[in-house]
Amino acid sequence: MLTEEIPTTDQAVNPQPTKMQKPPPIFLHGVINYNKMIHSINEVAEAEQFYTKSPANNVLKITCLTPETYRSLIKHFKETDVYYHTYEIKEERAYRVVLKYLHYTTEIEDIRQDLLQ
């Protein structure tokens, strides 16, 4: 007890801000006319909200800066039947929980009761 511990109010008042996850890239396949595709995308999203790369084989990689832009582009591609693929946004993914070191004969109801207590 050489020093007295005084709780600081900075920790309670200023919690960490939530970090916005960057959405995954969207890959468009079979893009023959780059300018028409960019014009179509610009109708839905602003030019500052995404950027593109063209790796090879008529593929266009679109990286969105915000989840809202990502969702609006996906909706647009579904409506216009554009062939694309992407991954789920991390915030929308289901998560799995693994309980380790349980015997295989443990009843599920016992686990549920223990978790609810």
Protein backbone atom coordinates (compact mmCIF):
# COMPACT_ATOMS: atom_id res chain seq x y z
CA MET A 1 0.00 0.00 0.00
CA LEU A 2 2.68 2.45 -0.94
CA THR A 3 0.46 4.16 -3.46
CA GLU A 4 -3.25 4.64 -3.51
CA GLU A 5 -4.98 3.29 -6.60
CA ILE A 6 -7.39 5.84 -7.97
CA PRO A 7 -9.55 4.67 -10.86
CA THR A 8 -9.25 6.96 -13.83
CA THR A 9 -12.39 8.20 -15.51
CA ASP A 10 -10.77 8.19 -18.95
CA GLN A 11 -11.23 4.45 -19.31
CA ALA A 12 -14.93 4.55 -18.44
CA VAL A 13 -15.77 7.68 -20.43
CA ASN A 14 -13.85 6.95 -23.65
CA PRO A 15 -14.49 3.35 -24.72
CA GLN A 16 -12.71 2.09 -27.82
CA PRO A 17 -14.56 3.05 -31.00
CA THR A 18 -15.81 0.15 -33.08
CA LYS A 19 -13.55 -0.53 -36.02
CA MET A 20 -15.35 -0.75 -39.34
CA GLN A 21 -14.27 -3.81 -41.28
CA LYS A 22 -13.35 -3.35 -44.92
CA PRO A 23 -15.69 -5.37 -47.18
CA PRO A 24 -14.24 -8.20 -49.29
CA PRO A 25 -13.46 -7.65 -52.98
CA ILE A 26 -15.96 -8.39 -55.74
CA PHE A 27 -14.70 -10.27 -58.79
CA LEU A 28 -16.57 -9.73 -62.08
CA HIS A 29 -15.99 -12.35 -64.76
CA GLY A 30 -16.32 -11.95 -68.51
CA VAL A 31 -15.87 -8.17 -68.63
CA ILE A 32 -15.29 -7.35 -72.28
CA ASN A 33 -15.91 -3.60 -72.26
CA TYR A 34 -14.28 -1.98 -69.22
CA ASN A 35 -15.68 1.51 -69.87
CA LYS A 36 -19.31 0.32 -70.07
CA MET A 37 -18.91 -1.67 -66.85
CA ILE A 38 -17.41 1.29 -64.98
CA HIS A 39 -20.19 3.53 -66.28
CA SER A 40 -22.76 1.00 -65.02
CA ILE A 41 -21.08 0.85 -61.61
CA ASN A 42 -20.89 4.66 -61.39
CA GLU A 43 -24.69 4.81 -61.74
CA VAL A 44 -24.97 2.93 -58.43
CA ALA A 45 -21.92 4.07 -56.47
CA GLU A 46 -19.77 7.17 -56.42
CA ALA A 47 -16.33 6.92 -58.00
CA GLU A 48 -14.61 7.73 -54.70
CA GLN A 49 -16.25 4.77 -52.95
CA PHE A 50 -14.47 1.99 -54.87
CA TYR A 51 -11.43 1.23 -56.97
CA THR A 52 -10.79 -1.42 -59.59
CA LYS A 53 -8.01 -3.63 -60.87
CA SER A 54 -7.99 -5.76 -63.97
CA PRO A 55 -5.79 -8.82 -63.26
CA ALA A 56 -6.26 -11.03 -66.37
CA ASN A 57 -8.69 -13.13 -68.41
CA ASN A 58 -11.47 -10.50 -68.54
CA VAL A 59 -11.75 -10.36 -64.75
CA LEU A 60 -12.37 -7.10 -62.91
CA LYS A 61 -11.61 -6.82 -59.19
CA ILE A 62 -13.68 -4.19 -57.37
CA THR A 63 -12.68 -3.13 -53.87
CA CYS A 64 -15.28 -1.08 -52.00
CA LEU A 65 -14.36 1.31 -49.23
CA THR A 66 -17.65 1.06 -47.30
CA PRO A 67 -20.06 -1.80 -46.59
CA GLU A 68 -22.95 0.30 -47.97
CA THR A 69 -21.24 0.59 -51.35
CA TYR A 70 -20.52 -3.15 -51.30
CA ARG A 71 -24.18 -3.97 -50.63
CA SER A 72 -25.48 -1.60 -53.30
CA LEU A 73 -23.10 -3.03 -55.92
CA ILE A 74 -24.06 -6.61 -55.06
CA LYS A 75 -27.74 -5.69 -55.35
CA HIS A 76 -27.08 -4.01 -58.72
CA PHE A 77 -25.18 -7.03 -60.06
CA LYS A 78 -27.97 -9.39 -59.01
CA GLU A 79 -30.60 -7.23 -60.72
CA THR A 80 -28.60 -6.97 -63.98
CA ASP A 81 -27.50 -10.65 -64.01
CA VAL A 82 -23.78 -9.90 -63.94
CA TYR A 83 -21.60 -12.94 -63.27
CA TYR A 84 -19.56 -12.24 -60.14
CA HIS A 85 -18.29 -13.83 -56.96
CA THR A 86 -17.37 -12.47 -53.56
CA TYR A 87 -17.14 -13.47 -49.93
CA GLU A 88 -19.32 -12.65 -46.94
CA ILE A 89 -18.71 -9.53 -44.90
CA LYS A 90 -17.05 -10.47 -41.60
CA GLU A 91 -19.79 -8.82 -39.54
CA GLU A 92 -22.47 -10.91 -41.29
CA ARG A 93 -20.70 -14.25 -40.98
CA ALA A 94 -22.00 -16.81 -38.54
CA TYR A 95 -19.56 -17.75 -35.86
CA ARG A 96 -18.92 -21.14 -34.37
CA VAL A 97 -18.09 -22.02 -30.81
CA VAL A 98 -16.01 -25.06 -29.92
CA LEU A 99 -16.15 -26.52 -26.45
CA LYS A 100 -12.97 -28.43 -25.85
CA TYR A 101 -12.16 -31.21 -23.43
CA LEU A 102 -15.71 -32.54 -23.12
CA HIS A 103 -16.37 -36.23 -23.05
CA TYR A 104 -18.50 -37.48 -25.94
CA THR A 105 -21.15 -38.85 -23.54
CA THR A 106 -21.85 -35.41 -22.06
CA GLU A 107 -25.54 -34.59 -22.52
CA ILE A 108 -26.39 -31.48 -24.50
CA GLU A 109 -29.02 -30.46 -21.95
CA ASP A 110 -26.37 -30.45 -19.21
CA ILE A 111 -24.24 -28.08 -21.28
CA ARG A 112 -27.20 -25.77 -21.93
CA GLN A 113 -28.09 -25.66 -18.22
CA ASP A 114 -24.51 -24.84 -17.27
CA LEU A 115 -24.38 -22.03 -19.84
CA LEU A 116 -27.66 -20.50 -18.67
CA GLN A 117 -26.56 -20.37 -15.02
